[in-house]
Amino acid sequence: MDSSPNEACATCARYLISIPPTYDEKTEKPIHNNSNRRLDCCGRVICGDCIAENSRFAAYCPFCQISLHPTSLPQGLRDPPAYTPESASKPNKLSTPLHSDDELPSYTPNATPVPSEKQEQPTEDTLHFLNHAHETLPGLALAYSVPLSVLRKANNLHSDHLLQARRSIVIPGEYYKGGSLSPRPVEGEEEERRKGVIRRWMVGCKVSE
């Protein structure tokens, strides 16, 4: 293989002319004086000493990464492309002006619904005057189709026997929308007023009976 006097080995960087030949101990003949290899892919030269130390250099270019024999690596490998940051290759979305189709929709506050004047007004509660001789709390709940627990809560009755201390009870309007089954005092309004006057006098005079 012809080589220039100033040509150096591509791997060990020694001048080829300055590399002494290696002799066989038995025959005393040069072993690889003429085994320098010129690479066909790039024209570089690898000296025989480097090939003897690494037999792969006999069929492989470490610079072009090309092998003359089949290997596990793909044939014809080249240097990887230069690295370019992603920010340089892709346009910045923040700096890109918005098109008319990409513009954000204008802010519109949620319209507060205007209450309709025709909204149904809550039904007023119904007043029922009690007849303690015949009426009980479960019976009244059944008569007005009101749950017993709702009737107790509306009148603040924790127990049914407390009904005896009441002259009237309230029927919740959300459960009953009809008229009262007992709209007036059982003993009459005059008797009710008379008892009211007596009760106020007893309270004022602190008389129990």
N, C-alpha and C. Protein backbone atom coordinates (compact mmCIF):
# COMPACT_ATOMS: atom_id res chain seq x y z
N MET A 1 0.85 -1.19 0.00
CA MET A 1 0.00 0.00 0.00
C MET A 1 0.88 1.24 0.00
N ASP A 2 0.65 2.15 -0.97
CA ASP A 2 1.43 3.38 -1.05
C ASP A 2 0.90 4.37 -0.05
N SER A 3 1.82 5.10 0.58
CA SER A 3 1.43 6.12 1.55
C SER A 3 2.44 7.24 1.51
N SER A 4 1.99 8.43 1.88
CA SER A 4 2.84 9.60 1.90
C SER A 4 3.78 9.53 3.11
N PRO A 5 5.00 10.07 3.01
CA PRO A 5 5.93 10.03 4.15
C PRO A 5 5.38 10.75 5.37
N ASN A 6 4.54 11.76 5.15
CA ASN A 6 4.00 12.52 6.28
C ASN A 6 2.63 12.01 6.72
N GLU A 7 2.20 10.87 6.18
CA GLU A 7 0.88 10.34 6.52
C GLU A 7 0.96 9.61 7.85
N ALA A 8 -0.05 9.82 8.69
CA ALA A 8 -0.08 9.24 10.03
C ALA A 8 -1.24 8.26 10.15
N CYS A 9 -1.14 7.40 11.15
CA CYS A 9 -2.21 6.43 11.43
C CYS A 9 -3.41 7.19 11.99
N ALA A 10 -4.58 6.83 11.52
CA ALA A 10 -5.79 7.54 11.92
C ALA A 10 -6.21 7.22 13.35
N THR A 11 -5.67 6.17 13.94
CA THR A 11 -6.07 5.80 15.30
C THR A 11 -5.01 6.15 16.34
N CYS A 12 -3.74 5.82 16.08
CA CYS A 12 -2.69 6.12 17.07
C CYS A 12 -1.94 7.41 16.78
N ALA A 13 -2.19 8.02 15.58
CA ALA A 13 -1.60 9.31 15.19
C ALA A 13 -0.08 9.26 15.02
N ARG A 14 0.50 8.08 14.87
CA ARG A 14 1.94 7.99 14.60
C ARG A 14 2.17 8.04 13.09
N TYR A 15 3.30 8.67 12.70
CA TYR A 15 3.66 8.66 11.29
C TYR A 15 3.96 7.24 10.86
N LEU A 16 3.42 6.88 9.70
CA LEU A 16 3.59 5.50 9.24
C LEU A 16 5.06 5.17 8.97
N ILE A 17 5.80 6.18 8.53
CA ILE A 17 7.22 5.93 8.20
C ILE A 17 8.06 5.72 9.44
N SER A 18 7.53 6.21 10.59
CA SER A 18 8.30 6.08 11.83
C SER A 18 7.94 4.84 12.64
N ILE A 19 6.96 4.07 12.18
CA ILE A 19 6.56 2.87 12.91
C ILE A 19 7.49 1.73 12.53
N PRO A 20 8.24 1.19 13.49
CA PRO A 20 9.17 0.10 13.15
C PRO A 20 8.41 -1.18 12.90
N PRO A 21 8.89 -2.02 12.02
CA PRO A 21 8.22 -3.30 11.76
C PRO A 21 8.36 -4.25 12.94
N THR A 22 7.37 -5.11 13.08
CA THR A 22 7.40 -6.12 14.13
C THR A 22 7.83 -7.44 13.52
N TYR A 23 8.81 -8.09 14.15
CA TYR A 23 9.38 -9.33 13.59
C TYR A 23 8.88 -10.53 14.36
N ASP A 24 8.74 -11.62 13.63
CA ASP A 24 8.39 -12.89 14.24
C ASP A 24 9.61 -13.44 14.97
N GLU A 25 9.40 -13.93 16.20
CA GLU A 25 10.53 -14.42 17.00
C GLU A 25 11.18 -15.66 16.37
N LYS A 26 10.39 -16.47 15.67
CA LYS A 26 10.94 -17.70 15.09
C LYS A 26 11.57 -17.46 13.73
N THR A 27 10.82 -16.77 12.88
CA THR A 27 11.33 -16.58 11.50
C THR A 27 12.12 -15.30 11.35
N GLU A 28 11.97 -14.40 12.34
CA GLU A 28 12.64 -13.09 12.28
C GLU A 28 12.26 -12.32 11.03
N LYS A 29 11.00 -12.51 10.60
CA LYS A 29 10.49 -11.78 9.44
C LYS A 29 9.42 -10.79 9.93
N PRO A 30 9.26 -9.68 9.22
CA PRO A 30 8.22 -8.73 9.61
C PRO A 30 6.83 -9.38 9.60
N ILE A 31 6.08 -9.10 10.64
CA ILE A 31 4.76 -9.72 10.73
C ILE A 31 3.72 -8.90 9.97
N HIS A 32 3.63 -7.61 10.26
CA HIS A 32 2.61 -6.81 9.59
C HIS A 32 3.16 -5.45 9.18
N ASN A 33 4.34 -5.50 8.61
CA ASN A 33 4.90 -4.23 8.12
C ASN A 33 4.07 -3.68 6.97
N ASN A 34 3.54 -4.62 6.15
CA ASN A 34 2.76 -4.20 4.99
C ASN A 34 1.26 -4.35 5.22
N SER A 35 0.85 -4.46 6.49
CA SER A 35 -0.57 -4.68 6.76
C SER A 35 -1.30 -3.39 7.10
N ASN A 36 -0.69 -2.24 6.81
CA ASN A 36 -1.43 -0.99 6.99
C ASN A 36 -2.64 -0.98 6.07
N ARG A 37 -3.74 -0.49 6.57
CA ARG A 37 -4.98 -0.53 5.79
C ARG A 37 -5.46 0.87 5.49
N ARG A 38 -5.71 1.10 4.19
CA ARG A 38 -6.29 2.37 3.78
C ARG A 38 -7.80 2.17 3.65
N LEU A 39 -8.52 3.04 4.30
CA LEU A 39 -9.98 2.93 4.32
C LEU A 39 -10.55 3.47 3.02
N ASP A 40 -11.42 2.66 2.39
CA ASP A 40 -12.02 3.07 1.11
C ASP A 40 -13.07 4.17 1.29
N CYS A 41 -13.65 4.22 2.47
CA CYS A 41 -14.75 5.18 2.66
C CYS A 41 -14.27 6.61 2.81
N CYS A 42 -13.15 6.80 3.50
CA CYS A 42 -12.69 8.16 3.77
C CYS A 42 -11.23 8.39 3.41
N GLY A 43 -10.50 7.35 3.00
CA GLY A 43 -9.11 7.51 2.59
C GLY A 43 -8.12 7.53 3.72
N ARG A 44 -8.53 7.39 4.96
CA ARG A 44 -7.60 7.36 6.08
C ARG A 44 -6.85 6.03 6.10
N VAL A 45 -5.78 6.02 6.92
CA VAL A 45 -4.94 4.82 7.01
C VAL A 45 -4.87 4.39 8.47
N ILE A 46 -5.00 3.08 8.70
CA ILE A 46 -4.83 2.50 10.03
C ILE A 46 -3.60 1.60 9.97
N CYS A 47 -2.68 1.82 10.90
CA CYS A 47 -1.42 1.08 10.86
C CYS A 47 -1.63 -0.37 11.28
N GLY A 48 -0.64 -1.21 10.95
CA GLY A 48 -0.71 -2.62 11.27
C GLY A 48 -0.71 -2.90 12.75
N ASP A 49 0.00 -2.06 13.55
CA ASP A 49 0.01 -2.27 15.00
C ASP A 49 -1.40 -2.12 15.59
N CYS A 50 -2.13 -1.10 15.15
CA CYS A 50 -3.49 -0.89 15.66
C CYS A 50 -4.42 -2.01 15.24
N ILE A 51 -4.22 -2.52 14.00
CA ILE A 51 -5.05 -3.63 13.55
C ILE A 51 -4.73 -4.89 14.33
N ALA A 52 -3.43 -5.08 14.70
CA ALA A 52 -3.05 -6.25 15.48
C ALA A 52 -3.63 -6.18 16.89
N GLU A 53 -3.71 -4.98 17.45
CA GLU A 53 -4.26 -4.83 18.80
C GLU A 53 -5.79 -4.91 18.80
N ASN A 54 -6.40 -4.46 17.72
CA ASN A 54 -7.86 -4.50 17.62
C ASN A 54 -8.21 -5.00 16.22
N SER A 55 -8.53 -6.28 16.13
CA SER A 55 -8.78 -6.90 14.82
C SER A 55 -10.01 -6.33 14.13
N ARG A 56 -10.82 -5.62 14.85
CA ARG A 56 -12.02 -5.04 14.24
C ARG A 56 -11.66 -3.99 13.22
N PHE A 57 -10.51 -3.31 13.40
CA PHE A 57 -10.10 -2.27 12.46
C PHE A 57 -9.78 -2.84 11.09
N ALA A 58 -9.62 -4.18 10.96
CA ALA A 58 -9.31 -4.78 9.66
C ALA A 58 -10.52 -4.75 8.73
N ALA A 59 -11.71 -4.60 9.26
CA ALA A 59 -12.91 -4.60 8.42
C ALA A 59 -13.91 -3.53 8.84
N TYR A 60 -13.45 -2.52 9.59
CA TYR A 60 -14.39 -1.53 10.11
C TYR A 60 -13.72 -0.17 10.17
N CYS A 61 -14.44 0.87 9.77
CA CYS A 61 -13.93 2.23 9.86
C CYS A 61 -14.52 2.88 11.11
N PRO A 62 -13.69 3.25 12.09
CA PRO A 62 -14.23 3.85 13.31
C PRO A 62 -14.73 5.27 13.12
N PHE A 63 -14.38 5.88 11.99
CA PHE A 63 -14.79 7.26 11.74
C PHE A 63 -16.12 7.32 10.98
N CYS A 64 -16.22 6.56 9.91
CA CYS A 64 -17.46 6.53 9.13
C CYS A 64 -18.44 5.50 9.66
N GLN A 65 -17.97 4.65 10.57
CA GLN A 65 -18.81 3.61 11.17
C GLN A 65 -19.41 2.70 10.11
N ILE A 66 -18.56 2.28 9.20
CA ILE A 66 -18.96 1.37 8.13
C ILE A 66 -18.14 0.10 8.24
N SER A 67 -18.81 -1.04 8.14
CA SER A 67 -18.14 -2.34 8.22
C SER A 67 -18.20 -3.02 6.86
N LEU A 68 -17.09 -3.71 6.51
CA LEU A 68 -17.04 -4.44 5.25
C LEU A 68 -17.71 -5.80 5.35
N HIS A 69 -17.89 -6.31 6.55
CA HIS A 69 -18.49 -7.62 6.77
C HIS A 69 -19.81 -7.44 7.53
N PRO A 70 -20.72 -8.39 7.39
CA PRO A 70 -22.01 -8.29 8.11
C PRO A 70 -21.80 -8.27 9.62
N THR A 71 -22.47 -7.35 10.27
CA THR A 71 -22.41 -7.24 11.72
C THR A 71 -23.83 -7.05 12.25
N SER A 72 -23.94 -6.98 13.57
CA SER A 72 -25.25 -6.73 14.18
C SER A 72 -25.70 -5.29 13.99
N LEU A 73 -24.76 -4.41 13.62
CA LEU A 73 -25.10 -3.01 13.38
C LEU A 73 -25.60 -2.82 11.95
N PRO A 74 -26.48 -1.89 11.70
CA PRO A 74 -26.92 -1.60 10.33
C PRO A 74 -25.76 -1.11 9.49
N GLN A 75 -25.76 -1.47 8.20
CA GLN A 75 -24.70 -1.06 7.29
C GLN A 75 -24.86 0.41 6.90
N GLY A 76 -23.75 1.05 6.64
CA GLY A 76 -23.77 2.42 6.14
C GLY A 76 -24.14 3.46 7.17
N LEU A 77 -23.73 3.24 8.44
CA LEU A 77 -24.03 4.23 9.48
C LEU A 77 -23.22 5.49 9.25
N ARG A 78 -23.77 6.62 9.55
CA ARG A 78 -23.07 7.90 9.44
C ARG A 78 -23.18 8.64 10.77
N ASP A 79 -22.44 9.75 10.86
CA ASP A 79 -22.51 10.55 12.07
C ASP A 79 -23.94 11.05 12.28
N PRO A 80 -24.36 11.11 13.52
CA PRO A 80 -25.72 11.60 13.79
C PRO A 80 -25.84 13.07 13.42
N PRO A 81 -27.03 13.53 13.10
CA PRO A 81 -27.21 14.95 12.74
C PRO A 81 -26.94 15.86 13.92
N ALA A 82 -26.60 17.09 13.59
CA ALA A 82 -26.31 18.07 14.64
C ALA A 82 -27.56 18.33 15.46
N TYR A 83 -27.33 18.53 16.75
CA TYR A 83 -28.46 18.76 17.66
C TYR A 83 -28.97 20.19 17.52
N THR A 84 -30.26 20.31 17.36
CA THR A 84 -30.89 21.63 17.33
C THR A 84 -31.99 21.64 18.38
N PRO A 85 -32.00 22.64 19.23
CA PRO A 85 -33.05 22.69 20.27
C PRO A 85 -34.43 22.70 19.65
N GLU A 86 -35.37 22.12 20.38
CA GLU A 86 -36.74 22.05 19.88
C GLU A 86 -37.34 23.43 19.70
N SER A 87 -36.90 24.35 20.57
CA SER A 87 -37.45 25.70 20.48
C SER A 87 -37.05 26.40 19.20
N ALA A 88 -35.87 25.98 18.61
CA ALA A 88 -35.42 26.62 17.37
C ALA A 88 -36.11 26.02 16.16
N SER A 89 -36.51 24.72 16.25
CA SER A 89 -37.11 24.06 15.11
C SER A 89 -38.61 24.27 15.02
N LYS A 90 -39.23 24.53 16.17
CA LYS A 90 -40.68 24.72 16.19
C LYS A 90 -41.02 26.16 16.53
N PRO A 91 -41.99 26.73 15.87
CA PRO A 91 -42.36 28.11 16.21
C PRO A 91 -42.98 28.18 17.58
N ASN A 92 -42.69 29.26 18.26
CA ASN A 92 -43.25 29.48 19.59
C ASN A 92 -44.71 29.87 19.46
N LYS A 93 -45.57 29.05 20.11
CA LYS A 93 -47.00 29.31 20.00
C LYS A 93 -47.38 30.62 20.67
N LEU A 94 -46.60 31.02 21.71
CA LEU A 94 -46.95 32.24 22.43
C LEU A 94 -46.66 33.48 21.58
N SER A 95 -45.60 33.37 20.72
CA SER A 95 -45.23 34.52 19.90
C SER A 95 -45.99 34.56 18.58
N THR A 96 -46.69 33.48 18.24
CA THR A 96 -47.41 33.44 16.98
C THR A 96 -48.70 34.24 17.12
N PRO A 97 -48.95 35.18 16.24
CA PRO A 97 -50.19 35.96 16.37
C PRO A 97 -51.41 35.08 16.14
N LEU A 98 -52.46 35.38 16.86
CA LEU A 98 -53.69 34.62 16.75
C LEU A 98 -54.42 35.01 15.47
N HIS A 99 -54.94 34.00 14.79
CA HIS A 99 -55.78 34.27 13.64
C HIS A 99 -57.20 34.57 14.12
N SER A 100 -57.98 34.99 13.19
CA SER A 100 -59.36 35.34 13.57
C SER A 100 -60.12 34.14 14.09
N ASP A 101 -59.79 32.94 13.53
CA ASP A 101 -60.50 31.74 13.98
C ASP A 101 -60.00 31.26 15.33
N ASP A 102 -58.77 31.68 15.73
CA ASP A 102 -58.18 31.20 16.97
C ASP A 102 -58.40 32.14 18.14
N GLU A 103 -59.03 33.27 17.90
CA GLU A 103 -59.20 34.24 18.97
C GLU A 103 -60.12 33.70 20.05
N LEU A 104 -59.82 34.08 21.27
CA LEU A 104 -60.62 33.63 22.40
C LEU A 104 -61.99 34.30 22.37
N PRO A 105 -63.01 33.59 22.78
CA PRO A 105 -64.35 34.22 22.78
C PRO A 105 -64.42 35.32 23.82
N SER A 106 -65.20 36.33 23.50
CA SER A 106 -65.35 37.45 24.43
C SER A 106 -66.08 37.00 25.68
N TYR A 107 -65.71 37.62 26.78
CA TYR A 107 -66.30 37.23 28.08
C TYR A 107 -67.71 37.81 28.19
N THR A 108 -68.63 36.94 28.49
CA THR A 108 -70.01 37.35 28.70
C THR A 108 -70.45 36.88 30.06
N PRO A 109 -70.72 37.77 30.98
CA PRO A 109 -71.14 37.32 32.32
C PRO A 109 -72.45 36.56 32.24
N ASN A 110 -72.55 35.59 33.13
CA ASN A 110 -73.78 34.79 33.17
C ASN A 110 -74.97 35.68 33.51
N ALA A 111 -75.94 35.60 32.67
CA ALA A 111 -77.13 36.43 32.89
C ALA A 111 -77.88 35.92 34.10
N THR A 112 -78.16 36.84 35.01
CA THR A 112 -78.91 36.48 36.21
C THR A 112 -80.37 36.32 35.85
N PRO A 113 -80.92 35.15 36.11
CA PRO A 113 -82.33 34.96 35.75
C PRO A 113 -83.24 35.91 36.52
N VAL A 114 -84.10 36.58 35.76
CA VAL A 114 -85.04 37.51 36.37
C VAL A 114 -86.22 36.72 36.90
N PRO A 115 -86.52 36.87 38.17
CA PRO A 115 -87.65 36.10 38.72
C PRO A 115 -88.96 36.50 38.05
N SER A 116 -89.69 35.52 37.67
CA SER A 116 -90.97 35.78 37.00
C SER A 116 -92.01 36.21 38.02
N GLU A 117 -92.82 37.21 37.59
CA GLU A 117 -93.87 37.68 38.49
C GLU A 117 -94.96 36.64 38.67
N LYS A 118 -95.01 35.70 37.72
CA LYS A 118 -96.05 34.69 37.78
C LYS A 118 -95.61 33.44 38.54
N GLN A 119 -94.45 33.54 39.20
CA GLN A 119 -94.02 32.39 39.97
C GLN A 119 -95.03 32.08 41.06
N GLU A 120 -95.18 30.81 41.28
CA GLU A 120 -96.19 30.37 42.24
C GLU A 120 -95.81 30.79 43.65
N GLN A 121 -96.71 31.47 44.30
CA GLN A 121 -96.49 31.92 45.67
C GLN A 121 -96.67 30.75 46.63
N PRO A 122 -95.87 30.70 47.69
CA PRO A 122 -96.02 29.59 48.64
C PRO A 122 -97.39 29.63 49.31
N THR A 123 -97.98 28.47 49.45
CA THR A 123 -99.31 28.37 50.07
C THR A 123 -99.20 28.60 51.58
N GLU A 124 -100.11 29.40 52.09
CA GLU A 124 -100.09 29.70 53.52
C GLU A 124 -100.53 28.47 54.32
N ASP A 125 -100.02 28.41 55.55
CA ASP A 125 -100.39 27.31 56.43
C ASP A 125 -101.87 27.43 56.83
N THR A 126 -102.44 26.30 57.15
CA THR A 126 -103.85 26.24 57.55
C THR A 126 -103.96 26.07 59.07
N LEU A 127 -104.85 26.84 59.67
CA LEU A 127 -105.05 26.78 61.12
C LEU A 127 -106.22 25.83 61.43
N HIS A 128 -105.97 24.89 62.30
CA HIS A 128 -107.00 23.91 62.69
C HIS A 128 -107.23 24.01 64.19
N PHE A 129 -108.50 24.32 64.58
CA PHE A 129 -108.85 24.38 66.00
C PHE A 129 -109.18 22.96 66.49
N LEU A 130 -108.65 22.63 67.65
CA LEU A 130 -108.69 21.26 68.14
C LEU A 130 -109.96 20.98 68.94
N ASN A 131 -110.39 19.74 68.81
CA ASN A 131 -111.45 19.18 69.64
C ASN A 131 -110.83 18.01 70.39
N HIS A 132 -110.37 18.27 71.60
CA HIS A 132 -109.60 17.27 72.33
C HIS A 132 -110.40 16.02 72.65
N ALA A 133 -111.71 16.10 72.61
CA ALA A 133 -112.52 14.92 72.94
C ALA A 133 -112.47 13.87 71.84
N HIS A 134 -112.18 14.30 70.61
CA HIS A 134 -112.25 13.36 69.48
C HIS A 134 -110.97 13.32 68.62
N GLU A 135 -110.06 14.28 68.76
CA GLU A 135 -108.93 14.38 67.82
C GLU A 135 -107.61 14.00 68.47
N THR A 136 -106.80 13.33 67.68
CA THR A 136 -105.42 12.98 68.08
C THR A 136 -104.48 13.42 66.97
N LEU A 137 -103.21 13.47 67.30
CA LEU A 137 -102.22 13.91 66.30
C LEU A 137 -102.13 12.94 65.12
N PRO A 138 -102.07 11.61 65.33
CA PRO A 138 -102.06 10.71 64.17
C PRO A 138 -103.33 10.83 63.33
N GLY A 139 -104.50 11.04 63.99
CA GLY A 139 -105.73 11.20 63.24
C GLY A 139 -105.73 12.45 62.39
N LEU A 140 -105.20 13.54 62.91
CA LEU A 140 -105.11 14.78 62.13
C LEU A 140 -104.15 14.63 60.96
N ALA A 141 -103.03 13.93 61.18
CA ALA A 141 -102.08 13.70 60.08
C ALA A 141 -102.74 12.91 58.97
N LEU A 142 -103.56 11.94 59.32
CA LEU A 142 -104.27 11.15 58.32
C LEU A 142 -105.35 11.97 57.63
N ALA A 143 -106.05 12.82 58.38
CA ALA A 143 -107.14 13.61 57.80
C ALA A 143 -106.62 14.64 56.80
N TYR A 144 -105.47 15.22 57.06
CA TYR A 144 -104.90 16.24 56.18
C TYR A 144 -103.87 15.67 55.20
N SER A 145 -103.61 14.36 55.24
CA SER A 145 -102.62 13.70 54.36
C SER A 145 -101.24 14.34 54.51
N VAL A 146 -100.87 14.58 55.75
CA VAL A 146 -99.57 15.17 56.08
C VAL A 146 -98.78 14.15 56.89
N PRO A 147 -97.50 13.92 56.57
CA PRO A 147 -96.70 12.99 57.38
C PRO A 147 -96.71 13.41 58.85
N LEU A 148 -96.81 12.42 59.72
CA LEU A 148 -96.89 12.70 61.15
C LEU A 148 -95.66 13.45 61.64
N SER A 149 -94.48 13.07 61.13
CA SER A 149 -93.24 13.74 61.57
C SER A 149 -93.23 15.21 61.15
N VAL A 150 -93.79 15.50 59.97
CA VAL A 150 -93.85 16.89 59.50
C VAL A 150 -94.82 17.69 60.36
N LEU A 151 -95.93 17.09 60.72
CA LEU A 151 -96.91 17.78 61.56
C LEU A 151 -96.34 18.08 62.94
N ARG A 152 -95.59 17.14 63.50
CA ARG A 152 -94.96 17.37 64.80
C ARG A 152 -93.94 18.50 64.72
N LYS A 153 -93.13 18.48 63.66
CA LYS A 153 -92.09 19.50 63.53
C LYS A 153 -92.69 20.88 63.31
N ALA A 154 -93.76 20.98 62.50
CA ALA A 154 -94.37 22.28 62.22
C ALA A 154 -94.98 22.90 63.47
N ASN A 155 -95.41 22.07 64.42
CA ASN A 155 -96.05 22.58 65.64
C ASN A 155 -95.16 22.43 66.87
N ASN A 156 -93.90 22.01 66.64
CA ASN A 156 -92.93 21.89 67.74
C ASN A 156 -93.47 20.98 68.85
N LEU A 157 -94.02 19.85 68.43
CA LEU A 157 -94.55 18.87 69.38
C LEU A 157 -93.60 17.67 69.42
N HIS A 158 -92.90 17.54 70.53
CA HIS A 158 -91.95 16.43 70.66
C HIS A 158 -92.64 15.14 71.08
N SER A 159 -93.87 15.25 71.57
CA SER A 159 -94.63 14.07 71.99
C SER A 159 -96.11 14.33 71.74
N ASP A 160 -96.85 13.25 71.46
CA ASP A 160 -98.25 13.42 71.09
C ASP A 160 -99.11 13.95 72.24
N HIS A 161 -98.75 13.64 73.47
CA HIS A 161 -99.59 14.08 74.60
C HIS A 161 -99.53 15.60 74.81
N LEU A 162 -98.53 16.26 74.21
CA LEU A 162 -98.46 17.72 74.32
C LEU A 162 -99.58 18.41 73.55
N LEU A 163 -100.28 17.64 72.71
CA LEU A 163 -101.38 18.23 71.94
C LEU A 163 -102.51 18.72 72.85
N GLN A 164 -102.64 18.12 74.03
CA GLN A 164 -103.71 18.51 74.95
C GLN A 164 -103.56 19.94 75.45
N ALA A 165 -102.36 20.49 75.41
CA ALA A 165 -102.14 21.86 75.87
C ALA A 165 -102.35 22.88 74.77
N ARG A 166 -102.69 22.44 73.56
CA ARG A 166 -102.88 23.37 72.44
C ARG A 166 -104.36 23.56 72.15
N ARG A 167 -104.70 24.77 71.73
CA ARG A 167 -106.06 25.06 71.27
C ARG A 167 -106.17 24.88 69.76
N SER A 168 -105.03 25.02 69.08
CA SER A 168 -105.03 24.88 67.62
C SER A 168 -103.64 24.42 67.17
N ILE A 169 -103.59 23.90 65.97
CA ILE A 169 -102.31 23.51 65.37
C ILE A 169 -102.25 24.05 63.95
N VAL A 170 -101.04 24.05 63.41
CA VAL A 170 -100.79 24.56 62.05
C VAL A 170 -100.60 23.37 61.11
N ILE A 171 -101.29 23.41 59.97
CA ILE A 171 -101.12 22.40 58.93
C ILE A 171 -100.22 23.01 57.85
N PRO A 172 -99.02 22.45 57.58
CA PRO A 172 -98.09 23.05 56.61
C PRO A 172 -98.71 23.18 55.23
N GLY A 173 -98.58 24.39 54.63
CA GLY A 173 -99.16 24.64 53.33
C GLY A 173 -98.52 23.87 52.20
N GLU A 174 -97.26 23.45 52.35
CA GLU A 174 -96.61 22.72 51.27
C GLU A 174 -97.15 21.30 51.13
N TYR A 175 -97.86 20.82 52.16
CA TYR A 175 -98.43 19.48 52.10
C TYR A 175 -99.96 19.50 51.94
N TYR A 176 -100.58 20.58 52.40
CA TYR A 176 -102.05 20.65 52.33
C TYR A 176 -102.44 22.03 51.83
N LYS A 177 -103.24 22.06 50.75
CA LYS A 177 -103.60 23.33 50.12
C LYS A 177 -105.10 23.60 50.19
N GLY A 178 -105.83 22.79 50.92
CA GLY A 178 -107.27 23.01 51.04
C GLY A 178 -107.62 23.87 52.25
N GLY A 179 -108.91 23.95 52.51
CA GLY A 179 -109.37 24.73 53.65
C GLY A 179 -109.28 23.94 54.94
N SER A 180 -109.43 24.65 56.04
CA SER A 180 -109.34 24.02 57.36
C SER A 180 -110.59 23.18 57.63
N LEU A 181 -110.39 22.03 58.26
CA LEU A 181 -111.51 21.17 58.66
C LEU A 181 -112.14 21.65 59.95
N SER A 182 -111.46 22.56 60.65
CA SER A 182 -112.02 23.15 61.88
C SER A 182 -111.54 24.58 61.94
N PRO A 183 -112.17 25.48 61.16
CA PRO A 183 -111.68 26.86 61.05
C PRO A 183 -112.01 27.73 62.26
N ARG A 184 -112.92 27.30 63.16
CA ARG A 184 -113.32 28.13 64.31
C ARG A 184 -113.20 27.32 65.58
N PRO A 185 -113.09 28.03 66.70
CA PRO A 185 -113.03 27.31 67.98
C PRO A 185 -114.24 26.40 68.16
N VAL A 186 -114.01 25.24 68.74
CA VAL A 186 -115.09 24.25 68.90
C VAL A 186 -116.20 24.79 69.80
N GLU A 187 -115.84 25.50 70.85
CA GLU A 187 -116.84 26.02 71.81
C GLU A 187 -117.40 27.37 71.39
N GLY A 188 -117.04 27.86 70.25
CA GLY A 188 -117.54 29.14 69.78
C GLY A 188 -116.56 30.26 70.07
N GLU A 189 -116.65 31.31 69.26
CA GLU A 189 -115.72 32.42 69.41
C GLU A 189 -115.99 33.21 70.68
N GLU A 190 -117.25 33.33 71.06
CA GLU A 190 -117.57 34.06 72.29
C GLU A 190 -116.97 33.36 73.50
N GLU A 191 -117.12 32.06 73.55
CA GLU A 191 -116.56 31.30 74.66
C GLU A 191 -115.05 31.37 74.65
N GLU A 192 -114.48 31.41 73.48
CA GLU A 192 -113.02 31.50 73.37
C GLU A 192 -112.54 32.86 73.86
N ARG A 193 -113.28 33.92 73.53
CA ARG A 193 -112.88 35.24 74.01
C ARG A 193 -113.03 35.33 75.53
N ARG A 194 -114.11 34.74 76.05
CA ARG A 194 -114.33 34.78 77.51
C ARG A 194 -113.20 34.06 78.24
N LYS A 195 -112.82 32.92 77.73
CA LYS A 195 -111.72 32.19 78.35
C LYS A 195 -110.41 32.97 78.23
N GLY A 196 -110.25 33.69 77.13
CA GLY A 196 -109.04 34.48 76.96
C GLY A 196 -108.96 35.60 77.98
N VAL A 197 -110.10 36.26 78.23
CA VAL A 197 -110.12 37.34 79.23
C VAL A 197 -109.80 36.78 80.60
N ILE A 198 -110.42 35.64 80.94
CA ILE A 198 -110.17 35.03 82.25
C ILE A 198 -108.70 34.63 82.38
N ARG A 199 -108.16 34.11 81.32
CA ARG A 199 -106.76 33.67 81.37
C ARG A 199 -105.82 34.85 81.59
N ARG A 200 -106.08 35.97 80.91
CA ARG A 200 -105.24 37.15 81.08
C ARG A 200 -105.37 37.70 82.50
N TRP A 201 -106.61 37.66 83.06
CA TRP A 201 -106.81 38.15 84.44
C TRP A 201 -106.06 37.27 85.44
N MET A 202 -106.08 35.95 85.22
CA MET A 202 -105.39 35.03 86.12
C MET A 202 -103.88 35.25 86.06
N VAL A 203 -103.39 35.55 84.87
CA VAL A 203 -101.95 35.80 84.74
C VAL A 203 -101.59 37.11 85.41
N GLY A 204 -102.45 38.14 85.22
CA GLY A 204 -102.14 39.43 85.83
C GLY A 204 -102.22 39.40 87.35
N CYS A 205 -103.17 38.63 87.88
CA CYS A 205 -103.33 38.54 89.34
C CYS A 205 -102.54 37.39 89.95
N LYS A 206 -101.89 36.63 89.12
CA LYS A 206 -101.10 35.49 89.57
C LYS A 206 -101.97 34.49 90.33
N VAL A 207 -103.13 34.21 89.74
CA VAL A 207 -104.06 33.23 90.31
C VAL A 207 -103.97 31.96 89.47
N SER A 208 -103.75 30.82 90.12
CA SER A 208 -103.61 29.57 89.39
C SER A 208 -104.94 28.93 89.08
N GLU A 209 -105.95 29.12 89.93
CA GLU A 209 -107.26 28.51 89.69
C GLU A 209 -108.37 29.52 89.91
